PDB file of N, CA and C in Angstrom:
ATOM      1  N   MET A   1       0.816  -1.199   0.045  1.00  0.00           N
ATOM      2  CA  MET A   1       0.073  -0.058  -0.035  1.00  0.00           C
ATOM      3  C   MET A   1       0.945   1.251  -0.109  1.00  0.00           C
ATOM      4  N   SER A   2       0.615   2.235  -0.848  1.00  0.00           N
ATOM      5  CA  SER A   2       1.370   3.374  -1.072  1.00  0.00           C
ATOM      6  C   SER A   2       0.931   4.445   0.076  1.00  0.00           C
ATOM      7  N   ASN A   3       1.550   5.485   0.158  1.00  0.00           N
ATOM      8  CA  ASN A   3       1.196   6.655   1.129  1.00  0.00           C
ATOM      9  C   ASN A   3      -0.202   7.176   0.806  1.00  0.00           C
ATOM     10  N   ASP A   4      -0.633   7.199  -0.543  1.00  0.00           N
ATOM     11  CA  ASP A   4      -1.908   7.875  -0.737  1.00  0.00           C
ATOM     12  C   ASP A   4      -2.945   6.816  -0.658  1.00  0.00           C
ATOM     13  N   GLY A   5      -2.652   5.461  -0.227  1.00  0.00           N
ATOM     14  CA  GLY A   5      -3.622   4.593   0.030  1.00  0.00           C
ATOM     15  C   GLY A   5      -3.914   3.630  -1.133  1.00  0.00           C
ATOM     16  N   THR A   6      -3.292   3.909  -2.125  1.00  0.00           N
ATOM     17  CA  THR A   6      -3.525   2.972  -3.380  1.00  0.00           C
ATOM     18  C   THR A   6      -2.834   1.679  -3.057  1.00  0.00           C
ATOM     19  N   ILE A   7      -3.624   0.539  -3.250  1.00  0.00           N
ATOM     20  CA  ILE A   7      -3.264  -0.970  -2.996  1.00  0.00           C
ATOM     21  C   ILE A   7      -2.876  -1.442  -4.455  1.00  0.00           C
ATOM     22  N   THR A   8      -1.639  -1.993  -4.686  1.00  0.00           N
ATOM     23  CA  THR A   8      -1.133  -2.614  -5.615  1.00  0.00           C
ATOM     24  C   THR A   8      -1.036  -4.055  -5.392  1.00  0.00           C
ATOM     25  N   ILE A   9      -1.642  -4.936  -6.240  1.00  0.00           N
ATOM     26  CA  ILE A   9      -1.733  -6.345  -6.024  1.00  0.00           C
ATOM     27  C   ILE A   9      -0.947  -6.998  -7.382  1.00  0.00           C
ATOM     28  N   GLN A  10       0.036  -7.647  -7.019  1.00  0.00           N
ATOM     29  CA  GLN A  10       0.827  -8.409  -8.210  1.00  0.00           C
ATOM     30  C   GLN A  10       0.463  -9.915  -8.043  1.00  0.00           C
ATOM     31  N   TYR A  11       0.124 -10.647  -9.122  1.00  0.00           N
ATOM     32  CA  TYR A  11      -0.042 -12.020  -9.095  1.00  0.00           C
ATOM     33  C   TYR A  11       0.576 -12.607 -10.428  1.00  0.00           C
ATOM     34  N   ALA A  12       0.819 -13.815 -10.416  1.00  0.00           N
ATOM     35  CA  ALA A  12       1.483 -14.571 -11.604  1.00  0.00           C
ATOM     36  C   ALA A  12       0.384 -15.480 -12.139  1.00  0.00           C
ATOM     37  N   HIS A  13       0.457 -15.760 -13.386  1.00  0.00           N
ATOM     38  CA  HIS A  13      -0.393 -16.727 -14.000  1.00  0.00           C
ATOM     39  C   HIS A  13       0.471 -17.725 -14.804  1.00  0.00           C
ATOM     40  N   ASP A  14       0.328 -18.977 -14.606  1.00  0.00           N
ATOM     41  CA  ASP A  14       1.033 -19.831 -15.004  1.00  0.00           C
ATOM     42  C   ASP A  14       2.649 -19.735 -14.639  1.00  0.00           C
ATOM     43  N   GLY A  15       2.880 -19.166 -13.471  1.00  0.00           N
ATOM     44  CA  GLY A  15       4.189 -19.040 -13.120  1.00  0.00           C
ATOM     45  C   GLY A  15       5.100 -18.123 -13.815  1.00  0.00           C
ATOM     46  N   ASN A  16       4.691 -17.430 -14.930  1.00  0.00           N
ATOM     47  CA  ASN A  16       5.798 -16.572 -15.632  1.00  0.00           C
ATOM     48  C   ASN A  16       5.103 -15.313 -15.992  1.00  0.00           C
ATOM     49  N   VAL A  17       4.024 -14.973 -15.897  1.00  0.00           N
ATOM     50  CA  VAL A  17       3.414 -13.730 -16.346  1.00  0.00           C
ATOM     51  C   VAL A  17       2.831 -12.977 -15.117  1.00  0.00           C
ATOM     52  N   ALA A  18       3.352 -11.726 -14.791  1.00  0.00           N
ATOM     53  CA  ALA A  18       3.080 -11.081 -13.571  1.00  0.00           C
ATOM     54  C   ALA A  18       2.170  -9.852 -14.131  1.00  0.00           C
ATOM     55  N   PHE A  19       0.934  -9.607 -13.285  1.00  0.00           N
ATOM     56  CA  PHE A  19       0.051  -8.574 -13.506  1.00  0.00           C
ATOM     57  C   PHE A  19       0.103  -7.634 -12.352  1.00  0.00           C
ATOM     58  N   SER A  20      -0.016  -6.312 -12.648  1.00  0.00           N
ATOM     59  CA  SER A  20      -0.153  -5.445 -11.463  1.00  0.00           C
ATOM     60  C   SER A  20      -1.575  -4.700 -11.650  1.00  0.00           C
ATOM     61  N   LYS A  21      -2.374  -4.607 -10.678  1.00  0.00           N
ATOM     62  CA  LYS A  21      -3.577  -4.009 -10.667  1.00  0.00           C
ATOM     63  C   LYS A  21      -3.577  -2.853  -9.524  1.00  0.00           C
ATOM     64  N   LYS A  22      -4.187  -1.831  -9.968  1.00  0.00           N
ATOM     65  CA  LYS A  22      -4.321  -0.882  -8.799  1.00  0.00           C
ATOM     66  C   LYS A  22      -5.710  -0.537  -8.491  1.00  0.00           C
ATOM     67  N   LEU A  23      -6.220  -0.404  -7.307  1.00  0.00           N
ATOM     68  CA  LEU A  23      -7.512  -0.067  -6.975  1.00  0.00           C
ATOM     69  C   LEU A  23      -7.557   1.466  -6.909  1.00  0.00           C
ATOM     70  N   LYS A  24      -8.411   2.148  -7.563  1.00  0.00           N
ATOM     71  CA  LYS A  24      -8.571   3.480  -7.453  1.00  0.00           C
ATOM     72  C   LYS A  24      -9.933   4.018  -7.075  1.00  0.00           C
ATOM     73  N   TRP A  25     -10.016   5.167  -6.489  1.00  0.00           N
ATOM     74  CA  TRP A  25     -11.247   5.783  -6.076  1.00  0.00           C
ATOM     75  C   TRP A  25     -11.389   7.104  -6.330  1.00  0.00           C
ATOM     76  N   ILE A  26     -12.450   7.795  -6.164  1.00  0.00           N
ATOM     77  CA  ILE A  26     -12.590   9.299  -6.419  1.00  0.00           C
ATOM     78  C   ILE A  26     -12.409   9.980  -5.024  1.00  0.00           C
ATOM     79  N   ASN A  27     -11.377  10.958  -5.283  1.00  0.00           N
ATOM     80  CA  ASN A  27     -11.145  11.747  -3.996  1.00  0.00           C
ATOM     81  C   ASN A  27     -12.229  13.020  -4.006  1.00  0.00           C
ATOM     82  N   SER A  28     -12.498  13.508  -5.121  1.00  0.00           N
ATOM     83  CA  SER A  28     -13.488  14.733  -5.098  1.00  0.00           C
ATOM     84  C   SER A  28     -13.992  14.849  -6.541  1.00  0.00           C
ATOM     85  N   VAL A  29     -15.170  15.489  -6.579  1.00  0.00           N
ATOM     86  CA  VAL A  29     -15.838  15.834  -7.737  1.00  0.00           C
ATOM     87  C   VAL A  29     -16.206  17.325  -7.664  1.00  0.00           C
ATOM     88  N   ASN A  30     -15.953  18.081  -8.752  1.00  0.00           N
ATOM     89  CA  ASN A  30     -16.248  19.505  -8.727  1.00  0.00           C
ATOM     90  C   ASN A  30     -16.918  19.990  -9.985  1.00  0.00           C
ATOM     91  N   LEU A  31     -17.861  20.868  -9.929  1.00  0.00           N
ATOM     92  CA  LEU A  31     -18.689  21.413 -11.110  1.00  0.00           C
ATOM     93  C   LEU A  31     -18.588  22.948 -10.779  1.00  0.00           C
ATOM     94  N   ASN A  32     -17.882  23.570 -11.714  1.00  0.00           N
ATOM     95  CA  ASN A  32     -17.955  25.097 -11.857  1.00  0.00           C
ATOM     96  C   ASN A  32     -19.129  25.461 -12.470  1.00  0.00           C
ATOM     97  N   THR A  33     -20.101  26.086 -11.747  1.00  0.00           N
ATOM     98  CA  THR A  33     -21.367  26.433 -12.289  1.00  0.00           C
ATOM     99  C   THR A  33     -21.340  27.707 -13.064  1.00  0.00           C
ATOM    100  N   LEU A  34     -20.136  28.350 -13.108  1.00  0.00           N
ATOM    101  CA  LEU A  34     -19.915  29.609 -14.004  1.00  0.00           C
ATOM    102  C   LEU A  34     -19.433  29.257 -15.340  1.00  0.00           C
ATOM    103  N   THR A  35     -18.649  28.145 -15.504  1.00  0.00           N
ATOM    104  CA  THR A  35     -18.000  27.809 -16.810  1.00  0.00           C
ATOM    105  C   THR A  35     -18.348  26.361 -17.224  1.00  0.00           C
ATOM    106  N   GLY A  36     -19.015  25.631 -16.372  1.00  0.00           N
ATOM    107  CA  GLY A  36     -19.453  24.316 -16.679  1.00  0.00           C
ATOM    108  C   GLY A  36     -18.394  23.176 -16.596  1.00  0.00           C
ATOM    109  N   LYS A  37     -17.217  23.553 -16.308  1.00  0.00           N
ATOM    110  CA  LYS A  37     -16.124  22.571 -16.056  1.00  0.00           C
ATOM    111  C   LYS A  37     -16.413  21.691 -15.009  1.00  0.00           C
ATOM    112  N   PHE A  38     -16.407  20.412 -15.356  1.00  0.00           N
ATOM    113  CA  PHE A  38     -16.685  19.163 -14.418  1.00  0.00           C
ATOM    114  C   PHE A  38     -15.496  18.448 -14.320  1.00  0.00           C
ATOM    115  N   THR A  39     -15.075  18.229 -12.934  1.00  0.00           N
ATOM    116  CA  THR A  39     -13.650  17.547 -12.829  1.00  0.00           C
ATOM    117  C   THR A  39     -13.880  16.481 -11.872  1.00  0.00           C
ATOM    118  N   VAL A  40     -13.278  15.205 -12.150  1.00  0.00           N
ATOM    119  CA  VAL A  40     -13.112  14.046 -11.117  1.00  0.00           C
ATOM    120  C   VAL A  40     -11.791  13.863 -10.681  1.00  0.00           C
ATOM    121  N   ASP A  41     -11.426  14.024  -9.432  1.00  0.00           N
ATOM    122  CA  ASP A  41     -10.101  13.636  -8.850  1.00  0.00           C
ATOM    123  C   ASP A  41      -9.883  12.303  -8.458  1.00  0.00           C
ATOM    124  N   TYR A  42      -9.212  11.605  -9.037  1.00  0.00           N
ATOM    125  CA  TYR A  42      -8.710  10.238  -8.459  1.00  0.00           C
ATOM    126  C   TYR A  42      -7.610  10.068  -7.530  1.00  0.00           C
ATOM    127  N   ASN A  43      -7.324   9.261  -6.798  1.00  0.00           N
ATOM    128  CA  ASN A  43      -6.499   9.013  -5.810  1.00  0.00           C
ATOM    129  C   ASN A  43      -4.994   8.852  -6.485  1.00  0.00           C
ATOM    130  N   ASN A  44      -5.167   8.006  -7.768  1.00  0.00           N
ATOM    131  CA  ASN A  44      -3.841   7.688  -8.393  1.00  0.00           C
ATOM    132  C   ASN A  44      -3.345   8.936  -9.505  1.00  0.00           C
ATOM    133  N   GLY A  45      -3.889  10.064  -9.353  1.00  0.00           N
ATOM    134  CA  GLY A  45      -3.664  11.223 -10.366  1.00  0.00           C
ATOM    135  C   GLY A  45      -4.240  11.281 -11.634  1.00  0.00           C
ATOM    136  N   ALA A  46      -4.942  10.243 -11.953  1.00  0.00           N
ATOM    137  CA  ALA A  46      -5.703  10.049 -13.344  1.00  0.00           C
ATOM    138  C   ALA A  46      -6.936  10.903 -13.369  1.00  0.00           C
ATOM    139  N   ASP A  47      -6.715  12.201 -13.399  1.00  0.00           N
ATOM    140  CA  ASP A  47      -8.055  13.031 -13.266  1.00  0.00           C
ATOM    141  C   ASP A  47      -8.781  13.013 -14.570  1.00  0.00           C
ATOM    142  N   TYR A  48     -10.074  13.389 -14.409  1.00  0.00           N
ATOM    143  CA  TYR A  48     -10.853  13.553 -15.591  1.00  0.00           C
ATOM    144  C   TYR A  48     -11.650  14.859 -15.514  1.00  0.00           C
ATOM    145  N   SER A  49     -11.739  15.468 -16.773  1.00  0.00           N
ATOM    146  CA  SER A  49     -12.409  16.782 -16.633  1.00  0.00           C
ATOM    147  C   SER A  49     -12.989  16.934 -18.198  1.00  0.00           C
ATOM    148  N   THR A  50     -14.291  17.646 -18.082  1.00  0.00           N
ATOM    149  CA  THR A  50     -14.873  17.836 -19.371  1.00  0.00           C
ATOM    150  C   THR A  50     -15.689  19.255 -19.188  1.00  0.00           C
ATOM    151  N   THR A  51     -16.295  19.778 -20.183  1.00  0.00           N
ATOM    152  CA  THR A  51     -17.048  20.888 -20.082  1.00  0.00           C
ATOM    153  C   THR A  51     -18.438  20.532 -20.296  1.00  0.00           C
ATOM    154  N   LEU A  52     -19.268  20.848 -19.509  1.00  0.00           N
ATOM    155  CA  LEU A  52     -20.686  20.514 -19.554  1.00  0.00           C
ATOM    156  C   LEU A  52     -21.532  21.692 -19.927  1.00  0.00           C
ATOM    157  N   ASP A  53     -22.709  21.552 -20.463  1.00  0.00           N
ATOM    158  CA  ASP A  53     -23.560  22.836 -21.012  1.00  0.00           C
ATOM    159  C   ASP A  53     -24.867  22.658 -20.533  1.00  0.00           C
ATOM    160  N   TRP A  54     -25.509  23.670 -20.049  1.00  0.00           N
ATOM    161  CA  TRP A  54     -27.004  23.590 -19.797  1.00  0.00           C
ATOM    162  C   TRP A  54     -27.551  25.076 -20.023  1.00  0.00           C
ATOM    163  N   ILE A  55     -28.863  25.003 -20.068  1.00  0.00           N
ATOM    164  CA  ILE A  55     -29.504  26.212 -20.223  1.00  0.00           C
ATOM    165  C   ILE A  55     -29.890  26.874 -18.931  1.00  0.00           C
ATOM    166  N   LYS A  56     -29.374  28.155 -18.790  1.00  0.00           N
ATOM    167  CA  LYS A  56     -29.639  28.954 -17.606  1.00  0.00           C
ATOM    168  C   LYS A  56     -30.710  30.012 -17.676  1.00  0.00           C
ATOM    169  N   SER A  57     -31.057  30.359 -18.998  1.00  0.00           N
ATOM    170  CA  SER A  57     -32.215  31.271 -19.018  1.00  0.00           C
ATOM    171  C   SER A  57     -33.012  30.994 -20.519  1.00  0.00           C
ATOM    172  N   VAL A  58     -34.307  31.364 -20.457  1.00  0.00           N
ATOM    173  CA  VAL A  58     -35.099  31.268 -21.614  1.00  0.00           C
ATOM    174  C   VAL A  58     -35.941  32.606 -21.675  1.00  0.00           C
ATOM    175  N   ASN A  59     -35.946  33.067 -23.151  1.00  0.00           N
ATOM    176  CA  ASN A  59     -36.494  34.322 -23.336  1.00  0.00           C
ATOM    177  C   ASN A  59     -37.399  34.219 -24.568  1.00  0.00           C
ATOM    178  N   ILE A  60     -38.602  34.534 -24.473  1.00  0.00           N
ATOM    179  CA  ILE A  60     -39.623  34.617 -25.601  1.00  0.00           C
ATOM    180  C   ILE A  60     -40.034  35.935 -25.919  1.00  0.00           C
ATOM    181  N   GLU A  61     -39.599  36.511 -27.097  1.00  0.00           N
ATOM    182  CA  GLU A  61     -39.884  37.691 -27.551  1.00  0.00           C
ATOM    183  C   GLU A  61     -41.254  37.995 -28.102  1.00  0.00           C
ATOM    184  N   ASP A  62     -41.875  39.203 -28.267  1.00  0.00           N
ATOM    185  CA  ASP A  62     -43.033  39.307 -29.007  1.00  0.00           C
ATOM    186  C   ASP A  62     -43.329  38.611 -30.266  1.00  0.00           C
ATOM    187  N   ASN A  63     -42.254  38.551 -31.084  1.00  0.00           N
ATOM    188  CA  ASN A  63     -42.172  38.140 -32.402  1.00  0.00           C
ATOM    189  C   ASN A  63     -42.082  36.680 -32.463  1.00  0.00           C
ATOM    190  N   GLY A  64     -42.114  36.059 -31.398  1.00  0.00           N
ATOM    191  CA  GLY A  64     -42.013  34.482 -31.014  1.00  0.00           C
ATOM    192  C   GLY A  64     -40.521  33.889 -31.247  1.00  0.00           C
ATOM    193  N   THR A  65     -39.558  34.740 -31.276  1.00  0.00           N
ATOM    194  CA  THR A  65     -38.194  34.191 -31.089  1.00  0.00           C
ATOM    195  C   THR A  65     -37.916  33.908 -29.843  1.00  0.00           C
ATOM    196  N   VAL A  66     -37.430  32.640 -29.630  1.00  0.00           N
ATOM    197  CA  VAL A  66     -36.968  32.009 -28.416  1.00  0.00           C
ATOM    198  C   VAL A  66     -35.578  31.918 -28.342  1.00  0.00           C
ATOM    199  N   THR A  67     -35.022  32.509 -27.281  1.00  0.00           N
ATOM    200  CA  THR A  67     -33.549  32.565 -27.034  1.00  0.00           C
ATOM    201  C   THR A  67     -33.295  31.769 -25.690  1.00  0.00           C
ATOM    202  N   PHE A  68     -32.227  30.791 -25.933  1.00  0.00           N
ATOM    203  CA  PHE A  68     -31.686  30.100 -24.718  1.00  0.00           C
ATOM    204  C   PHE A  68     -30.365  30.672 -24.337  1.00  0.00           C
ATOM    205  N   GLY A  69     -30.159  31.027 -22.945  1.00  0.00           N
ATOM    206  CA  GLY A  69     -28.781  31.415 -22.583  1.00  0.00           C
ATOM    207  C   GLY A  69     -28.229  30.228 -21.946  1.00  0.00           C
ATOM    208  N   HIS A  70     -26.924  29.943 -22.221  1.00  0.00           N
ATOM    209  CA  HIS A  70     -26.203  28.712 -21.772  1.00  0.00           C
ATOM    210  C   HIS A  70     -25.272  29.259 -20.722  1.00  0.00           C
ATOM    211  N   VAL A  71     -24.825  28.215 -19.892  1.00  0.00           N
ATOM    212  CA  VAL A  71     -23.749  28.320 -18.814  1.00  0.00           C
ATOM    213  C   VAL A  71     -22.589  29.052 -19.276  1.00  0.00           C
ATOM    214  N   ASN A  72     -21.992  28.753 -20.447  1.00  0.00           N
ATOM    215  CA  ASN A  72     -20.932  29.391 -20.952  1.00  0.00           C
ATOM    216  C   ASN A  72     -21.056  30.702 -21.632  1.00  0.00           C
ATOM    217  N   ASN A  73     -22.242  31.256 -21.415  1.00  0.00           N
ATOM    218  CA  ASN A  73     -22.578  32.483 -22.184  1.00  0.00           C
ATOM    219  C   ASN A  73     -23.010  32.369 -23.549  1.00  0.00           C
ATOM    220  N   GLU A  74     -22.915  31.258 -24.206  1.00  0.00           N
ATOM    221  CA  GLU A  74     -23.486  31.158 -25.611  1.00  0.00           C
ATOM    222  C   GLU A  74     -24.965  31.403 -25.573  1.00  0.00           C
ATOM    223  N   VAL A  75     -25.571  31.895 -26.738  1.00  0.00           N
ATOM    224  CA  VAL A  75     -26.818  32.024 -26.900  1.00  0.00           C
ATOM    225  C   VAL A  75     -27.401  31.118 -28.033  1.00  0.00           C
ATOM    226  N   THR A  76     -28.479  30.532 -27.909  1.00  0.00           N
ATOM    227  CA  THR A  76     -29.050  29.839 -28.998  1.00  0.00           C
ATOM    228  C   THR A  76     -30.481  30.394 -29.265  1.00  0.00           C
ATOM    229  N   GLU A  77     -30.774  30.722 -30.526  1.00  0.00           N
ATOM    230  CA  GLU A  77     -31.918  31.469 -30.952  1.00  0.00           C
ATOM    231  C   GLU A  77     -32.813  30.718 -31.907  1.00  0.00           C
ATOM    232  N   PHE A  78     -34.043  30.415 -31.784  1.00  0.00           N
ATOM    233  CA  PHE A  78     -35.119  29.884 -32.573  1.00  0.00           C
ATOM    234  C   PHE A  78     -36.080  30.804 -33.092  1.00  0.00           C
TER     235      PHE A  78
END
């Protein structure tokens, strides 16, 4: 077991092939609601991040135009 708590298991198959497997877990999950950046931090340093998008506002104008405001400040108009 390493200092960060990662357990490494080594075993042999047919006496000549060794495999190393690490158990990993999530240390933290973060979602920045201003930018949409979603990050998962794992104990072994293999972090994952992506940018998510969602609608923050909807506006319907008198002429029937519908405008969607997104988290990353993009605007979609129909």
